[in-house]
C-alpha cells in the first residue's frame, strides 16, 4: 500500500504525518477474525473495511503505535476491563474506553 501511495502521489509514508490509517476492503485469506492491526511503536494501522470509523478500534490501534501492548490478566490477552488495550469494543454503542493510568504513564 505504501508503494501505491508513493507511485500516485510521489510521497513516501509516513511523510509529514504521525499516523497513517490504511483501510482494506476485506481479508485476503479465510481468517477475518480481526477488526484492525497496527505496528507497535510505529506510524501505521490497518483497518478491515467498516472498522475504520470505530473510535474505540482507532484508540486501540493508535495505542499500539504509541508502543502499548494489550492489557491482559493471566493467560488472557484481553482481560483488563479498565483500559481500551484490554477490552476493545468494536463499536461506539458498547462504551468507549480510554487508556488506564498504567498505559498513560507508559506514554508519558
Protein backbone atom coordinates (compact mmCIF):
# COMPACT_ATOMS: atom_id res chain seq x y z
CA UNK A 1 0.00 0.00 0.00
CA UNK A 2 2.85 2.38 0.79
CA UNK A 3 4.32 1.74 -2.66
CA UNK A 4 0.96 2.54 -4.27
CA UNK A 5 0.76 5.83 -2.36
CA UNK A 6 4.30 6.72 -3.42
CA UNK A 7 3.50 5.87 -7.08
CA UNK A 8 0.34 8.01 -7.11
CA UNK A 9 1.45 10.97 -5.01
CA UNK A 10 5.23 10.96 -5.11
CA UNK A 11 5.28 10.91 -1.28
CA UNK A 12 6.84 8.30 0.94
CA UNK A 13 4.85 7.43 4.04
CA UNK A 14 4.51 8.42 6.76
CA UNK A 15 5.58 11.71 5.22
CA UNK A 16 4.62 14.68 7.40
CA UNK A 17 2.02 12.65 9.30
CA UNK A 18 2.47 10.99 12.68
CA UNK A 19 -0.05 8.23 11.96
CA UNK A 20 -1.41 6.76 8.73
CA UNK A 21 -4.55 4.61 8.52
CA UNK A 22 -4.89 2.03 5.76
CA UNK A 23 -8.36 0.64 5.05
CA UNK A 24 -8.69 -2.69 3.25
CA UNK A 25 -11.89 -3.97 1.68
CA UNK A 26 -11.64 -7.49 3.06
CA UNK A 27 -9.40 -10.28 4.22
CA UNK A 28 -7.04 -11.92 1.81
CA UNK A 29 -7.44 -15.28 3.49
CA UNK A 30 -10.31 -17.08 5.24
CA UNK A 31 -9.41 -15.75 8.71
CA UNK A 32 -11.30 -12.48 9.17
CA UNK A 33 -11.39 -12.51 12.96
CA UNK A 34 -9.67 -9.12 13.31
CA UNK A 35 -11.01 -5.59 13.02
CA UNK A 36 -7.63 -3.89 12.66
CA UNK A 37 -3.94 -4.18 13.45
CA UNK A 38 -1.10 -1.73 13.86
CA UNK A 39 2.63 -1.55 14.03
CA UNK A 40 3.92 -1.36 17.58
CA UNK A 41 5.91 1.83 18.12
CA UNK A 42 5.21 2.69 14.50
CA UNK A 43 3.14 5.03 12.32
CA UNK A 44 0.67 2.75 10.52
CA UNK A 45 -2.57 0.97 11.31
CA UNK A 46 -4.69 -1.23 9.03
CA UNK A 47 -8.48 -1.40 9.33
CA UNK A 48 -10.79 -4.01 7.87
CA UNK A 49 -13.42 -2.17 5.78
CA UNK A 50 -16.17 -0.96 8.15
CA UNK A 51 -13.97 -0.76 11.27
CA UNK A 52 -12.06 2.35 10.14
CA UNK A 53 -14.69 4.63 11.69
CA UNK A 54 -14.98 2.83 15.05
CA UNK A 55 -13.37 5.24 17.50
CA UNK A 56 -12.62 2.55 20.07
CA UNK A 57 -10.80 0.48 17.44
CA UNK A 58 -8.82 3.57 16.39
CA UNK A 59 -7.85 4.31 20.02
CA UNK A 60 -6.75 0.69 20.48
CA UNK A 61 -4.62 0.67 17.32
CA UNK A 62 -3.08 4.10 17.96
CA UNK A 63 -2.18 2.67 21.38
CA UNK A 64 -0.05 0.07 19.58
CA UNK A 65 1.54 2.89 17.53
CA UNK A 66 2.41 4.53 20.87
CA UNK A 67 4.17 1.31 21.96
CA UNK A 68 1.36 -0.01 24.16
CA UNK A 69 0.76 -3.74 24.43
CA UNK A 70 -2.51 -5.47 25.20
CA UNK A 71 -3.71 -5.34 28.81
CA UNK A 72 -4.49 -8.84 29.92
CA UNK A 73 -4.75 -10.95 33.02
CA UNK A 74 -3.02 -14.28 33.43
CA UNK A 75 -3.05 -16.00 30.06
CA UNK A 76 -5.94 -13.88 28.74
CA UNK A 77 -4.81 -11.27 26.18
CA UNK A 78 -7.92 -9.10 26.57
CA UNK A 79 -8.95 -9.14 30.22
CA UNK A 80 -8.26 -5.71 31.70
CA UNK A 81 -11.64 -4.02 31.50
CA UNK A 82 -10.25 -0.70 32.79
CA UNK A 83 -8.45 0.02 29.54
CA UNK A 84 -9.08 0.09 25.81
CA UNK A 85 -5.94 -2.00 25.37
CA UNK A 86 -7.53 -4.80 27.38
CA UNK A 87 -11.13 -4.77 26.27
CA UNK A 88 -11.53 -3.24 22.84
CA UNK A 89 -15.15 -2.73 21.94
CA UNK A 90 -15.71 -2.69 18.23
CA UNK A 91 -18.43 -0.08 18.12
CA UNK A 92 -19.38 3.08 19.92
CA UNK A 93 -22.63 1.67 21.29
CA UNK A 94 -20.90 -0.69 23.74
CA UNK A 95 -18.99 2.02 25.53
CA UNK A 96 -15.86 3.97 24.92
CA UNK A 97 -12.77 3.34 27.00
CA UNK A 98 -9.59 5.35 27.31
CA UNK A 99 -6.17 4.18 28.43
CA UNK A 100 -5.85 3.36 32.12
CA UNK A 101 -3.33 5.04 34.43
CA UNK A 102 -0.61 2.46 33.75
CA UNK A 103 -0.85 2.97 29.99
CA UNK A 104 -0.94 6.77 30.28
CA UNK A 105 2.20 6.60 32.44
CA UNK A 106 3.84 4.46 29.73
CA UNK A 107 3.03 7.06 27.05
CA UNK A 108 4.47 9.93 29.06
